[in-house]
Amino acid sequence: MLMKADILWDSGELAKAIKYLEGITKTVPSAADKGKKMKELYAEVHFLPYGDPKMDKIELFIDWMKKNGAVFSKIQMRYYGPDYRGVHTTKDLKESEVFLTVPQNLIITSQKGKETQIGAKVVEAKLDLSWDYLIYITIFLLTQFHDPDSFWKPYMDVYPRDVGCFPIFYSKEERKLLQGSAMDAHIDDEIEEMEQEYMKIAEAVPEFKKFTLEEYIRNKTLIISRIFYVTIHGTVDRVMVPLADMFNHHYERLGETHWRYDNEEDSFIVSAEKLIPKGDPICEHYGEKPNYRFLFYYGFLIENNTHNCVYIKLYFNKDDPRIAEKCSMVGTYEDTEIKTFKYFEYYNVDEAHNNKFFGFLRLIEYDDDLNVFADYLTPPVTDANTCSFLKRKLRCPIISLENEKQVLKKAKDIASEYLLRYPDSCKKDMELLKTDLTFNQRNCIILRSDEKRIFQGIVELAKLGLELIDMKDWKEVQEHFAKAGKGKAYSGYFEKILMPFLAPNTNHTQ
């Protein structure tokens, strides 16, 4: 009889296992001792006390999943704080072992949103909506929240409510900590976009107004942080998968689990890619993203993230006599930015973003025959908004040393100007990080200090590049780079781009 308690425990139904033992204590005296031990284990793994209403809702959710076709074992949910939870193993998971199967009827798709009463009317209205799959999933969730008899109620009852860690919900005081960062303006842009989106739908479908703007923004934000990209019967879709969407991210645990949609079983399946020991958290790797994206879309960031970047806007020089010709080449207007570029801290020459940034700087600063860029422009693409304006990308190597000197000077000036936008120095940030900070305050300071370090790296790269170009002795160039630049985050620019160009194009001798 005691074995049933173990089965319930291992399947994640912790409270049910303890209640079962409490119910058989009179007939099985040893159940009392086992129940006591389980309560002790429960207290070790849960922030919430035994009997907390939130855990009762978890038990109901697990029961609902299993009754409706989900298959899982050896996993259980744990709370680490009032609103912070994760999923852990209760036994070892072997390599290739499938530990979670969620059938199609428990998966939330954009199609399910379109089939709701309001969703169908939005489809009928034929609105021009960006990322409409997110909108229809949001409509689906809001519909369930407003229906007390919804089939999805057990899932809705455990769905997260707290969105305070997402930047678009930061307080005014927290927003002040982002001064200078592109994140600050991005928050305003995102809020404005969702407000306009809400009003557009509400105008076309008045029934949509039963959902408040605050509900819409909150739920759409949460959906973005929990969505899976899958291919279902040949069609790429974005879906929400109960329980699977509760796996947390771990930066160093890439490849521990694998999820996919199995068309034969018509189910979302998660398996272990390697041994996951008993008691370990089950984590997903959300991908190699910069902290900017982690914070904005997931509400957290990674310290010492090696994939960080900054966003830099480039413009043609207004006094350039050839500005009209250059604008025509790449498809932009004289009074607008060329585009916003991602610039990554670690200069990987095989990664396009930093190379595109420098490629456009070479065009901006070039003052000779522009035909030299013809072979490096991508084919023109018609702008969907204007139907006639052309957008072209430019990826070009160093054109000449004189041009590259101007490019480096420009890069240094741009990075220096961006650094001036921040009210505090990196040194001040490091001091603040040693103090007692809230979760959001700490994230803001880490984000902005990372950005400042990248901009400072551009300044250092430019200074070193200018020094090397002006040197006449190749050996001196090599020695100076080895001393000042080797091993730095930006060393790829020198090792793969500038140094190979310097050797054959100057009077340097080996």
Foldseek 3Di string as FASTA:
>chain_A
DLVVLVQCVQAANLLVSLVVLVVCCVVPVVSVVVSVVSLVVLVVFAPDHRPPVLSVLVNVLSVLQVVVPKAAGQKHKYHPDPQAIFMFGQAKAAAFAWGIKGAQVQKQWLVLLCPDPLNVLLVVLVDDDPPVRLVSSLSNLVVQVPDPPDSCVSVNSSDGDDPALAVLNDDPVLLVLQFLAPLSVVSVVVLVSLVVVQVVSCVSRVVSVVQPSVSSVRSSLSCLQQWDWAAAPNRTTIIHHPPVSRAAADQPDAQQKDWYQDNVRNIIIMGGNHIDGRGDTGHYHPDLAAQSCCCNRPSAGDFPRQWHWGKAWAAADLPQPCQVVLCLQAFDDNPDTLDIAIDGLFDDVVDCGNQQVLQVLLVSQDDDDPVVQVVFKDDWDQDPVVRHTTGIGGGDADPALVSVLSSLVVLLVRLVVSLVSRPDALVVLVVVCVDDDDRSNVSSSSNVSVHNVSSVVSNLVSVLLNVLSPDQALVVSVVSCVVRPPPGSHCCCCVPGVNVVNPVRHNYDD
